[in-house]
N, C-alpha and C. Protein backbone atom coordinates (compact mmCIF):
# COMPACT_ATOMS: atom_id res chain seq x y z
N MET A 1 2.77 -27.74 65.92
CA MET A 1 2.53 -26.57 64.68
C MET A 1 0.99 -26.85 65.06
N ALA A 2 0.03 -25.41 65.04
CA ALA A 2 -1.16 -25.49 65.27
C ALA A 2 -1.62 -25.64 63.26
N ALA A 3 -2.97 -26.26 63.51
CA ALA A 3 -3.59 -26.44 62.47
C ALA A 3 -4.71 -25.04 61.55
N PHE A 4 -4.68 -24.70 60.91
CA PHE A 4 -5.57 -23.92 60.22
C PHE A 4 -6.66 -24.37 59.24
N SER A 5 -7.97 -23.86 60.18
CA SER A 5 -9.14 -24.58 59.22
C SER A 5 -9.50 -23.64 58.23
N MET A 6 -10.23 -24.26 57.34
CA MET A 6 -10.84 -22.77 56.29
C MET A 6 -11.83 -21.84 56.96
N ALA A 7 -13.02 -22.18 57.83
CA ALA A 7 -13.13 -21.29 59.33
C ALA A 7 -12.71 -20.53 59.52
N SER A 8 -11.46 -20.32 60.22
CA SER A 8 -10.43 -19.36 60.64
C SER A 8 -10.19 -18.31 60.22
N LEU A 9 -9.53 -18.80 58.68
CA LEU A 9 -9.69 -17.61 57.91
C LEU A 9 -10.18 -17.17 57.58
N GLN A 10 -11.51 -17.74 57.05
CA GLN A 10 -12.66 -16.81 57.07
C GLN A 10 -13.53 -15.64 57.68
N CYS A 11 -12.99 -15.95 58.78
CA CYS A 11 -13.14 -15.27 59.70
C CYS A 11 -12.33 -14.05 60.10
N ALA A 12 -11.18 -14.12 59.52
CA ALA A 12 -9.61 -13.13 59.64
C ALA A 12 -9.93 -12.51 58.24
N LEU A 13 -11.06 -12.27 57.92
CA LEU A 13 -11.23 -11.69 55.87
C LEU A 13 -12.05 -10.85 56.29
N PRO A 14 -12.21 -9.25 55.91
CA PRO A 14 -13.55 -8.45 55.76
C PRO A 14 -14.61 -9.17 55.30
N ARG A 15 -15.71 -8.74 56.49
CA ARG A 15 -17.20 -9.34 55.61
C ARG A 15 -17.15 -8.20 54.33
N VAL A 16 -17.82 -8.59 53.77
CA VAL A 16 -18.19 -7.95 52.72
C VAL A 16 -19.78 -7.83 52.22
N SER A 17 -20.33 -7.25 51.41
CA SER A 17 -22.11 -7.58 51.38
C SER A 17 -22.05 -8.12 49.64
N LEU A 18 -23.27 -8.64 49.76
CA LEU A 18 -23.46 -8.68 48.27
C LEU A 18 -23.59 -7.58 47.53
N SER A 19 -24.70 -6.43 47.99
CA SER A 19 -24.68 -5.34 47.55
C SER A 19 -24.15 -4.62 46.92
N GLN A 20 -22.71 -4.15 47.78
CA GLN A 20 -21.42 -3.52 47.81
C GLN A 20 -21.04 -4.14 47.01
N SER A 21 -20.62 -5.52 46.90
CA SER A 21 -19.56 -6.02 45.79
C SER A 21 -20.16 -6.22 44.28
N ALA A 22 -21.44 -6.02 44.08
CA ALA A 22 -22.13 -6.30 42.60
C ALA A 22 -22.14 -4.40 42.55
N ALA A 23 -22.22 -3.61 42.98
CA ALA A 23 -22.12 -2.21 43.22
C ALA A 23 -20.69 -1.68 42.65
N ALA A 24 -19.68 -1.89 43.05
CA ALA A 24 -18.04 -2.12 42.86
C ALA A 24 -17.60 -2.64 41.45
N SER A 25 -18.24 -3.85 42.04
CA SER A 25 -17.55 -4.74 40.52
C SER A 25 -18.65 -5.14 39.71
N PRO A 26 -19.57 -4.15 38.72
CA PRO A 26 -20.83 -5.03 37.70
C PRO A 26 -20.14 -6.14 36.80
N ALA A 27 -18.95 -6.32 36.93
CA ALA A 27 -18.65 -7.07 35.29
C ALA A 27 -17.99 -8.13 36.22
N ARG A 28 -18.41 -8.99 37.23
CA ARG A 28 -17.72 -9.89 37.97
C ARG A 28 -17.77 -11.53 37.76
N LYS A 29 -17.25 -12.03 38.08
CA LYS A 29 -17.46 -13.44 37.72
C LYS A 29 -18.52 -14.38 37.66
N PRO A 30 -19.73 -14.38 37.33
CA PRO A 30 -20.46 -15.51 37.38
C PRO A 30 -20.88 -16.46 38.46
N VAL A 31 -21.79 -16.57 39.34
CA VAL A 31 -21.21 -17.40 40.39
C VAL A 31 -21.92 -18.50 40.01
N VAL A 32 -21.16 -19.38 39.96
CA VAL A 32 -21.89 -21.30 39.38
C VAL A 32 -22.56 -21.94 40.36
N SER A 33 -23.79 -21.99 40.38
CA SER A 33 -24.76 -22.69 41.36
C SER A 33 -24.50 -24.24 41.55
N ALA A 34 -25.04 -24.78 42.74
CA ALA A 34 -24.87 -25.42 43.66
C ALA A 34 -25.44 -26.79 41.74
N ALA A 35 -27.32 -26.79 41.56
CA ALA A 35 -27.36 -26.75 40.77
C ALA A 35 -26.61 -27.11 39.16
N MET A 36 -26.06 -25.98 38.99
CA MET A 36 -25.38 -25.83 37.84
C MET A 36 -24.16 -27.10 37.43
N SER A 37 -23.30 -26.87 39.15
CA SER A 37 -22.54 -27.48 39.05
C SER A 37 -22.61 -28.94 38.74
N ALA A 38 -23.68 -29.49 39.21
CA ALA A 38 -24.21 -30.98 39.11
C ALA A 38 -24.74 -31.29 37.43
N ALA A 39 -25.31 -30.16 37.22
CA ALA A 39 -25.25 -30.77 35.51
C ALA A 39 -23.97 -31.25 34.51
N SER A 40 -24.13 -31.22 33.49
CA SER A 40 -22.93 -32.03 32.87
C SER A 40 -21.99 -30.68 32.81
N PRO A 41 -20.58 -31.14 32.12
CA PRO A 41 -19.61 -30.50 32.77
C PRO A 41 -19.83 -29.54 31.20
N ALA A 42 -20.28 -30.17 29.86
CA ALA A 42 -20.36 -29.06 28.72
C ALA A 42 -20.98 -28.15 28.84
N ALA A 43 -22.20 -28.66 29.35
CA ALA A 43 -23.69 -27.50 29.40
C ALA A 43 -22.58 -26.16 30.55
N ALA A 44 -22.35 -26.45 31.60
CA ALA A 44 -22.01 -25.56 32.02
C ALA A 44 -21.13 -24.93 31.68
N SER A 45 -19.96 -25.33 30.81
CA SER A 45 -18.93 -24.40 29.97
C SER A 45 -19.58 -23.48 28.90
N SER A 46 -20.53 -24.26 28.20
CA SER A 46 -21.67 -23.70 27.59
C SER A 46 -21.88 -22.49 27.97
N ARG A 47 -22.81 -21.84 29.46
CA ARG A 47 -23.09 -21.04 30.15
C ARG A 47 -22.30 -20.07 30.42
N LEU A 48 -21.08 -20.59 31.25
CA LEU A 48 -20.46 -19.68 31.16
C LEU A 48 -19.36 -18.82 30.73
N SER A 49 -19.46 -19.59 29.20
CA SER A 49 -18.91 -18.75 27.74
C SER A 49 -20.22 -17.88 27.27
N SER A 50 -21.46 -18.30 27.69
CA SER A 50 -22.45 -17.09 27.11
C SER A 50 -22.66 -15.85 27.77
N SER A 51 -22.30 -16.05 29.37
CA SER A 51 -22.30 -15.29 30.37
C SER A 51 -21.24 -14.24 29.86
N TYR A 52 -19.90 -15.01 29.69
CA TYR A 52 -18.55 -13.77 29.35
C TYR A 52 -18.71 -12.88 28.08
N SER A 53 -19.16 -13.22 27.20
CA SER A 53 -19.32 -12.53 25.79
C SER A 53 -19.42 -10.97 26.05
N GLY A 54 -20.01 -10.24 26.56
CA GLY A 54 -20.36 -9.04 27.13
C GLY A 54 -19.83 -8.55 27.70
N LEU A 55 -18.51 -9.01 28.66
CA LEU A 55 -17.85 -8.74 29.21
C LEU A 55 -16.82 -7.68 28.51
N ARG A 56 -16.27 -6.16 29.30
CA ARG A 56 -15.12 -6.62 28.82
C ARG A 56 -13.83 -5.90 29.81
N ARG A 57 -13.09 -5.63 29.64
CA ARG A 57 -11.85 -5.41 30.34
C ARG A 57 -10.68 -4.15 30.28
N ASP A 58 -10.62 -3.91 31.55
CA ASP A 58 -9.18 -2.42 30.85
C ASP A 58 -7.82 -2.96 31.56
N SER A 59 -7.61 -2.20 29.82
CA SER A 59 -5.77 -2.98 29.41
C SER A 59 -5.39 -1.61 30.78
N PHE A 60 -3.98 -1.82 30.29
CA PHE A 60 -2.71 -1.20 30.82
C PHE A 60 -2.82 0.43 30.35
N VAL A 61 -3.02 0.44 29.35
CA VAL A 61 -3.22 1.89 28.98
C VAL A 61 -4.40 3.00 29.14
N GLY A 62 -5.81 2.54 29.54
CA GLY A 62 -6.69 2.61 30.40
C GLY A 62 -8.00 2.50 29.01
N GLN A 63 -7.65 1.85 28.22
CA GLN A 63 -8.22 1.39 27.28
C GLN A 63 -9.23 0.00 27.68
N SER A 64 -10.38 0.20 26.78
CA SER A 64 -11.10 -1.30 27.74
C SER A 64 -11.34 -2.29 25.96
N ALA A 65 -11.00 -3.21 25.77
CA ALA A 65 -11.09 -4.04 25.05
C ALA A 65 -12.06 -5.18 25.54
N ASP A 66 -13.03 -5.96 24.83
CA ASP A 66 -13.81 -7.20 24.40
C ASP A 66 -12.41 -8.51 24.83
N LEU A 67 -13.21 -9.12 25.55
CA LEU A 67 -12.44 -10.11 26.04
C LEU A 67 -12.56 -11.40 24.78
N SER A 68 -12.29 -10.99 23.83
CA SER A 68 -12.38 -12.34 22.39
C SER A 68 -11.02 -12.85 22.42
N PRO A 69 -11.57 -13.86 22.12
CA PRO A 69 -10.07 -14.88 21.90
C PRO A 69 -9.35 -14.51 20.67
N LEU A 70 -9.74 -14.06 19.57
CA LEU A 70 -9.19 -13.30 18.44
C LEU A 70 -9.41 -11.74 18.40
N PRO A 71 -8.46 -11.22 18.92
CA PRO A 71 -8.86 -9.90 18.90
C PRO A 71 -8.27 -9.11 17.32
N SER A 72 -8.47 -8.13 16.79
CA SER A 72 -8.48 -7.19 15.57
C SER A 72 -7.59 -6.14 15.73
N ILE A 73 -6.40 -6.73 15.51
CA ILE A 73 -5.68 -5.10 15.95
C ILE A 73 -5.29 -5.04 14.45
N LEU A 74 -5.74 -3.63 14.06
CA LEU A 74 -5.40 -2.89 12.73
C LEU A 74 -3.79 -2.38 12.91
N PRO A 75 -3.14 -2.41 11.79
CA PRO A 75 -1.98 -0.95 12.08
C PRO A 75 -2.67 0.14 11.38
N SER A 76 -2.45 1.43 12.14
CA SER A 76 -2.61 2.08 11.66
C SER A 76 -1.70 3.51 10.79
N ASN A 77 -0.68 2.77 9.92
CA ASN A 77 0.50 3.52 9.53
C ASN A 77 0.09 3.75 8.23
N GLY A 78 -1.44 3.61 7.04
CA GLY A 78 -1.44 3.56 6.20
C GLY A 78 -1.39 2.78 5.45
N SER A 79 -1.20 1.58 5.89
CA SER A 79 -1.48 0.38 5.31
C SER A 79 0.15 0.13 5.07
N ARG A 80 1.48 0.31 5.30
CA ARG A 80 2.64 0.30 5.38
C ARG A 80 2.55 -0.93 5.92
N VAL A 81 3.47 -1.79 5.48
CA VAL A 81 3.94 -3.53 5.83
C VAL A 81 5.64 -2.69 5.92
N PHE A 82 6.13 -2.95 7.23
CA PHE A 82 7.49 -3.27 7.63
C PHE A 82 7.87 -4.44 8.06
N ALA A 83 8.84 -4.88 7.05
CA ALA A 83 10.00 -6.23 8.06
C ALA A 83 11.22 -5.80 8.06
N MET A 84 11.77 -7.25 8.71
CA MET A 84 13.15 -7.52 8.69
C MET A 84 13.94 -7.76 7.35
N ARG A 85 15.14 -7.38 7.18
CA ARG A 85 15.50 -7.74 5.60
C ARG A 85 16.73 -8.88 5.80
N HIS A 86 16.16 -10.10 5.96
CA HIS A 86 16.09 -11.40 6.29
C HIS A 86 16.58 -12.04 4.65
N GLY A 87 17.79 -11.94 4.62
CA GLY A 87 18.06 -13.22 3.49
C GLY A 87 17.73 -11.82 2.15
N ARG A 88 18.01 -10.87 2.45
CA ARG A 88 18.29 -9.77 1.24
C ARG A 88 19.55 -8.82 1.30
N ARG A 89 19.89 -9.71 0.03
CA ARG A 89 21.30 -9.00 -0.43
C ARG A 89 21.77 -7.61 -1.34
N ILE A 90 20.31 -7.37 -1.43
CA ILE A 90 20.98 -5.68 -2.55
C ILE A 90 20.54 -4.52 -1.49
N ALA A 91 21.95 -4.02 -1.87
CA ALA A 91 21.26 -2.69 -0.17
C ALA A 91 20.18 -1.53 -2.08
N ARG A 92 19.59 -0.87 -0.83
CA ARG A 92 18.38 -0.30 -1.88
C ARG A 92 18.75 1.04 -1.90
N LEU A 93 19.42 1.70 -1.11
CA LEU A 93 20.00 3.26 -1.33
C LEU A 93 19.26 4.29 -1.55
N GLY A 94 18.05 3.82 -0.46
CA GLY A 94 16.87 4.91 -0.31
C GLY A 94 16.35 4.99 -1.56
N ARG A 95 15.68 4.30 -2.96
CA ARG A 95 15.53 4.71 -4.29
C ARG A 95 14.46 3.70 -4.33
N PRO A 96 13.29 3.60 -5.10
CA PRO A 96 12.59 2.64 -6.05
C PRO A 96 13.76 2.03 -6.80
N ALA A 97 13.46 0.64 -7.39
CA ALA A 97 13.71 -0.15 -7.70
C ALA A 97 14.60 0.22 -9.43
N ASP A 98 13.98 1.39 -10.23
CA ASP A 98 14.08 1.64 -10.92
C ASP A 98 15.37 3.47 -11.36
N GLN A 99 14.96 3.66 -10.60
CA GLN A 99 15.83 4.66 -10.08
C GLN A 99 17.23 3.70 -9.46
N ARG A 100 16.95 2.67 -8.68
CA ARG A 100 18.13 2.33 -8.04
C ARG A 100 19.14 2.34 -9.45
N LYS A 101 18.53 0.77 -10.19
CA LYS A 101 18.94 0.64 -11.41
C LYS A 101 19.75 1.61 -12.04
N ALA A 102 19.20 2.68 -12.47
CA ALA A 102 19.64 3.46 -12.69
C ALA A 102 20.95 4.63 -12.56
N LEU A 103 20.82 4.56 -10.98
CA LEU A 103 22.11 5.15 -10.40
C LEU A 103 23.27 4.11 -10.68
N LEU A 104 23.13 2.69 -10.21
CA LEU A 104 24.04 2.21 -10.64
C LEU A 104 24.61 1.84 -11.61
N ARG A 105 24.16 2.02 -13.04
CA ARG A 105 24.14 1.54 -14.15
C ARG A 105 24.83 3.05 -14.84
N GLY A 106 24.65 4.60 -13.97
CA GLY A 106 25.59 5.54 -13.84
C GLY A 106 27.33 5.77 -13.29
N LEU A 107 26.73 4.88 -12.13
CA LEU A 107 27.84 4.67 -11.75
C LEU A 107 28.80 3.60 -11.94
N THR A 108 28.43 2.86 -12.67
CA THR A 108 29.18 1.84 -13.40
C THR A 108 29.87 2.55 -14.76
N THR A 109 28.93 3.01 -15.35
CA THR A 109 29.50 3.72 -16.87
C THR A 109 30.65 4.66 -16.43
N GLU A 110 31.01 5.58 -15.03
CA GLU A 110 31.39 6.39 -15.11
C GLU A 110 33.08 6.34 -14.54
N LEU A 111 33.03 5.14 -13.34
CA LEU A 111 34.16 4.41 -13.31
C LEU A 111 34.48 3.49 -14.33
N LEU A 112 33.72 3.05 -15.27
CA LEU A 112 34.95 2.56 -16.69
C LEU A 112 35.52 3.36 -17.33
N ARG A 113 34.66 5.07 -17.09
CA ARG A 113 35.38 5.21 -18.11
C ARG A 113 36.48 6.49 -17.22
N HIS A 114 36.42 6.55 -16.11
CA HIS A 114 37.53 7.40 -15.47
C HIS A 114 38.52 6.68 -14.35
N GLY A 115 37.79 4.99 -14.32
CA GLY A 115 38.84 4.55 -13.75
C GLY A 115 39.29 4.63 -12.52
N ARG A 116 38.26 6.07 -11.94
CA ARG A 116 38.89 6.11 -10.63
C ARG A 116 37.49 7.18 -9.76
N ILE A 117 36.42 7.06 -8.85
CA ILE A 117 35.52 7.99 -8.70
C ILE A 117 34.86 8.22 -6.85
N LYS A 118 34.65 9.12 -6.85
CA LYS A 118 34.33 9.44 -5.17
C LYS A 118 32.74 9.37 -4.76
N THR A 119 32.72 8.04 -4.43
CA THR A 119 31.16 8.51 -3.87
C THR A 119 31.11 7.76 -2.68
N THR A 120 29.30 7.33 -2.39
CA THR A 120 29.37 6.93 -0.60
C THR A 120 30.05 5.70 -0.53
N ALA A 121 29.76 4.88 0.62
CA ALA A 121 30.41 3.98 0.90
C ALA A 121 29.59 2.51 0.45
N ALA A 122 28.63 3.00 0.39
CA ALA A 122 27.17 2.07 0.59
C ALA A 122 27.02 2.21 -1.01
N ARG A 123 27.01 3.15 -2.05
CA ARG A 123 27.64 2.85 -3.23
C ARG A 123 28.15 2.26 -3.49
N ALA A 124 29.64 2.71 -3.48
CA ALA A 124 30.63 1.83 -3.57
C ALA A 124 30.38 0.62 -3.96
N LYS A 125 29.72 0.14 -2.70
CA LYS A 125 29.41 -1.62 -2.33
C LYS A 125 28.38 -1.86 -3.18
N ALA A 126 27.88 -1.34 -3.42
CA ALA A 126 26.41 -1.89 -4.66
C ALA A 126 27.22 -1.50 -5.69
N MET A 127 27.71 -0.72 -6.43
CA MET A 127 28.08 -0.96 -7.80
C MET A 127 29.36 -1.71 -7.90
N ARG A 128 30.11 -2.35 -6.70
CA ARG A 128 31.45 -3.20 -6.74
C ARG A 128 31.28 -4.56 -8.02
N LYS A 129 30.22 -4.78 -7.51
CA LYS A 129 29.96 -6.56 -8.53
C LYS A 129 29.30 -6.41 -10.00
N PHE A 130 28.50 -4.80 -10.06
CA PHE A 130 28.03 -4.32 -11.76
C PHE A 130 29.07 -4.03 -12.57
N VAL A 131 30.27 -3.62 -11.44
CA VAL A 131 31.78 -3.10 -12.35
C VAL A 131 32.46 -4.71 -13.04
N ASP A 132 32.56 -5.30 -12.17
CA ASP A 132 33.22 -6.77 -12.31
C ASP A 132 32.48 -7.70 -12.76
N HIS A 133 31.00 -7.84 -13.60
CA HIS A 133 30.74 -8.42 -14.11
C HIS A 133 30.99 -7.61 -15.62
N MET A 134 31.09 -6.37 -15.49
CA MET A 134 31.32 -5.82 -17.33
C MET A 134 32.89 -6.82 -17.31
N ILE A 135 33.91 -6.46 -16.58
CA ILE A 135 34.76 -6.71 -16.95
C ILE A 135 34.65 -7.95 -17.44
N THR A 136 34.23 -9.12 -16.81
CA THR A 136 33.91 -10.84 -16.94
C THR A 136 33.26 -10.87 -18.31
N LEU A 137 32.22 -9.91 -18.51
CA LEU A 137 32.12 -9.80 -19.81
C LEU A 137 32.96 -9.65 -20.60
N ALA A 138 33.50 -8.77 -20.66
CA ALA A 138 34.85 -7.99 -21.77
C ALA A 138 35.49 -9.33 -21.87
N LYS A 139 36.12 -10.30 -20.54
CA LYS A 139 37.31 -10.56 -20.85
C LYS A 139 36.91 -12.17 -21.86
N GLY A 140 35.37 -12.05 -21.61
CA GLY A 140 34.65 -13.16 -22.37
C GLY A 140 35.26 -12.55 -24.11
N GLY A 141 34.12 -11.64 -24.08
CA GLY A 141 34.17 -11.32 -25.98
C GLY A 141 33.25 -11.40 -26.93
N SER A 142 32.51 -13.33 -26.41
CA SER A 142 31.63 -13.12 -27.76
C SER A 142 30.39 -11.97 -27.76
N LEU A 143 30.04 -12.40 -28.93
CA LEU A 143 28.73 -11.89 -29.47
C LEU A 143 27.65 -11.00 -28.12
N HIS A 144 27.48 -12.50 -27.58
CA HIS A 144 26.06 -12.20 -26.59
C HIS A 144 26.41 -11.46 -25.59
N GLU A 145 28.05 -11.27 -24.77
CA GLU A 145 28.52 -10.66 -24.01
C GLU A 145 28.62 -9.74 -24.38
N ARG A 146 29.34 -9.18 -25.84
CA ARG A 146 28.81 -7.45 -25.91
C ARG A 146 27.59 -6.94 -25.78
N ARG A 147 26.56 -7.49 -26.69
CA ARG A 147 25.25 -6.93 -26.49
C ARG A 147 24.30 -7.31 -24.93
N GLN A 148 25.16 -7.78 -24.06
CA GLN A 148 24.73 -7.59 -22.47
C GLN A 148 25.63 -6.68 -21.64
N ALA A 149 26.66 -6.00 -22.47
CA ALA A 149 26.96 -5.16 -21.80
C ALA A 149 26.80 -3.55 -22.54
N LEU A 150 26.78 -3.67 -23.42
CA LEU A 150 26.17 -2.63 -24.29
C LEU A 150 24.43 -1.94 -23.75
N ALA A 151 23.54 -3.50 -23.01
CA ALA A 151 22.13 -3.25 -22.87
C ALA A 151 22.64 -2.91 -20.96
N PHE A 152 24.11 -2.72 -20.55
CA PHE A 152 23.75 -1.73 -18.93
C PHE A 152 24.34 -0.46 -19.36
N VAL A 153 25.65 -1.28 -20.00
CA VAL A 153 26.44 0.23 -19.82
C VAL A 153 25.72 1.71 -20.53
N TYR A 154 25.52 2.96 -20.57
CA TYR A 154 25.30 4.23 -21.15
C TYR A 154 25.91 4.41 -22.35
N ASP A 155 27.32 4.50 -22.11
CA ASP A 155 28.39 4.66 -23.36
C ASP A 155 28.93 3.16 -24.37
N LYS A 156 28.25 3.64 -25.58
CA LYS A 156 28.90 2.79 -26.19
C LYS A 156 30.16 2.34 -26.63
N THR A 157 30.14 3.77 -26.95
CA THR A 157 31.83 3.50 -27.60
C THR A 157 32.41 3.30 -26.52
N LEU A 158 32.71 3.46 -25.35
CA LEU A 158 33.37 2.80 -23.67
C LEU A 158 33.05 0.90 -23.68
N VAL A 159 31.77 0.43 -24.33
CA VAL A 159 32.13 -0.57 -24.38
C VAL A 159 32.93 -1.51 -25.43
N HIS A 160 32.90 -0.92 -26.47
CA HIS A 160 33.91 -1.03 -27.09
C HIS A 160 35.22 -1.28 -26.76
N ALA A 161 35.48 -0.06 -26.46
CA ALA A 161 37.45 0.33 -25.61
C ALA A 161 37.24 -1.24 -24.56
N ILE A 162 35.92 -1.22 -23.80
CA ILE A 162 36.22 -2.28 -22.85
C ILE A 162 36.98 -3.78 -23.42
N PHE A 163 36.11 -4.03 -24.26
CA PHE A 163 36.24 -5.54 -25.20
C PHE A 163 37.18 -5.58 -25.46
N SER A 164 37.87 -4.19 -26.01
CA SER A 164 39.89 -4.39 -26.32
C SER A 164 40.35 -4.17 -25.38
N ASP A 165 40.48 -3.87 -24.09
CA ASP A 165 41.17 -3.48 -23.34
C ASP A 165 41.15 -4.60 -22.21
N ALA A 166 40.17 -5.04 -22.11
CA ALA A 166 39.41 -5.95 -20.60
C ALA A 166 40.46 -7.12 -20.27
N PRO A 167 40.59 -7.80 -21.96
CA PRO A 167 41.36 -9.29 -21.86
C PRO A 167 43.31 -8.88 -21.73
N GLU A 168 43.47 -8.41 -22.07
CA GLU A 168 45.01 -7.96 -21.70
C GLU A 168 45.28 -7.95 -20.74
N ARG A 169 44.41 -6.34 -20.35
CA ARG A 169 44.21 -6.08 -18.66
C ARG A 169 44.72 -6.87 -17.29
N TYR A 170 43.46 -7.78 -17.89
CA TYR A 170 43.23 -8.69 -16.50
C TYR A 170 43.49 -9.86 -17.08
N ALA A 171 44.04 -10.31 -17.60
CA ALA A 171 44.07 -11.92 -18.16
C ALA A 171 44.74 -12.37 -17.11
N GLU A 172 45.66 -12.48 -15.70
CA GLU A 172 46.24 -13.05 -15.04
C GLU A 172 45.27 -12.76 -13.66
N ARG A 173 44.09 -11.94 -13.99
CA ARG A 173 43.40 -11.79 -12.32
C ARG A 173 41.85 -12.44 -12.90
N GLU A 174 41.37 -12.88 -11.74
CA GLU A 174 39.94 -13.96 -11.51
C GLU A 174 39.07 -13.14 -11.13
N GLY A 175 38.55 -11.91 -11.22
CA GLY A 175 37.64 -11.33 -10.08
C GLY A 175 38.41 -10.32 -9.14
N GLY A 176 37.42 -9.18 -8.51
CA GLY A 176 38.37 -8.55 -7.75
C GLY A 176 39.10 -7.59 -8.47
N TYR A 177 38.55 -6.79 -9.55
CA TYR A 177 38.60 -5.85 -10.37
C TYR A 177 39.02 -4.17 -9.71
N THR A 178 37.84 -4.24 -9.12
CA THR A 178 37.89 -2.58 -8.00
C THR A 178 38.50 -2.97 -6.61
N ARG A 179 39.01 -1.70 -6.47
CA ARG A 179 39.48 -1.45 -5.16
C ARG A 179 38.86 -0.45 -4.64
N ILE A 180 38.61 -0.34 -3.32
CA ILE A 180 37.71 0.38 -2.09
C ILE A 180 38.56 1.35 -1.10
N ILE A 181 38.54 2.61 -0.92
CA ILE A 181 39.66 3.84 -0.27
C ILE A 181 38.69 4.40 0.51
N ARG A 182 38.55 4.20 1.89
CA ARG A 182 37.51 4.91 2.29
C ARG A 182 38.75 6.30 2.63
N THR A 183 37.72 7.72 2.36
CA THR A 183 38.20 9.13 2.81
C THR A 183 37.31 9.59 4.02
N MET A 184 37.34 10.83 4.14
CA MET A 184 37.20 11.54 5.33
C MET A 184 35.39 11.53 4.31
N PRO A 185 34.82 11.70 5.77
CA PRO A 185 32.90 12.24 5.79
C PRO A 185 32.99 13.25 5.07
N ARG A 186 31.33 12.47 4.29
CA ARG A 186 31.33 14.16 3.90
C ARG A 186 30.92 14.96 4.56
N ARG A 187 30.85 16.67 4.04
CA ARG A 187 31.15 18.01 5.03
C ARG A 187 29.54 18.09 5.97
N GLY A 188 28.27 17.93 4.81
CA GLY A 188 27.33 17.94 5.43
C GLY A 188 26.25 17.23 5.98
N ASP A 189 26.78 15.99 5.61
CA ASP A 189 25.53 15.04 6.49
C ASP A 189 26.06 13.99 6.76
N ASN A 190 27.94 13.98 7.10
CA ASN A 190 28.45 13.26 7.82
C ASN A 190 28.43 11.57 7.08
N ALA A 191 28.27 11.77 5.90
CA ALA A 191 27.87 10.12 5.26
C ALA A 191 29.22 9.75 4.79
N PRO A 192 29.30 8.99 5.37
CA PRO A 192 30.98 7.68 4.60
C PRO A 192 31.28 7.41 3.66
N MET A 193 32.56 8.33 3.10
CA MET A 193 32.95 8.65 1.91
C MET A 193 34.14 7.73 1.68
N CYS A 194 34.34 7.15 0.05
CA CYS A 194 35.49 6.47 -0.27
C CYS A 194 35.73 6.95 -2.05
N PHE A 195 36.59 6.05 -2.10
CA PHE A 195 37.27 6.28 -3.29
C PHE A 195 36.56 4.86 -3.77
N ILE A 196 36.29 4.12 -5.14
CA ILE A 196 36.36 2.94 -5.87
C ILE A 196 37.11 3.14 -7.13
N GLU A 197 38.23 2.47 -7.13
CA GLU A 197 39.24 2.72 -8.51
C GLU A 197 39.10 1.36 -9.18
N LEU A 198 39.59 1.17 -10.28
CA LEU A 198 40.07 -0.22 -11.25
C LEU A 198 41.46 -0.84 -10.93
N VAL A 199 41.65 -2.01 -10.58
CA VAL A 199 42.82 -2.37 -10.55
C VAL A 199 43.59 -2.21 -11.12
């Protein structure tokens, strides 16, 4: 097997003069001379880093960027931060916190008043725990629990009716006071709809 030398490989490559290479790429890597290589490694690295400080490179999208170890990339979305919902167990329902609480209070009040309402599946799942909590408070029957229910449910006479009826109605049931029955999607936006009712 024939052995190739570096001289034979260099002869096979095309020759490019120094002036042509400098004109083609003005931001080439600086050549380290023999005097620089004989110096200490720390001094040579400092010289190389200073020579690279003004260089720029082209990105894949055609924009040039500085060769900086810490590029400053600022989002241009109006300072809004989007994050994944890891560990967040609350359904936002497309509303701020105060409007979401008012919506869930209203839905809970209407379900306790009528016994069965029709709403979207997301709202039904979100309000289910509040309805169960109100019935659990009514089964307790203490003054403190009555005041907690009065602070949440909009209708005061409805709260007193629940506290008088729930202990007997749900005496044998420990939780799970509601039932969700899916129905046809809403005609306008095809939102999944369902009935939620008291058991």
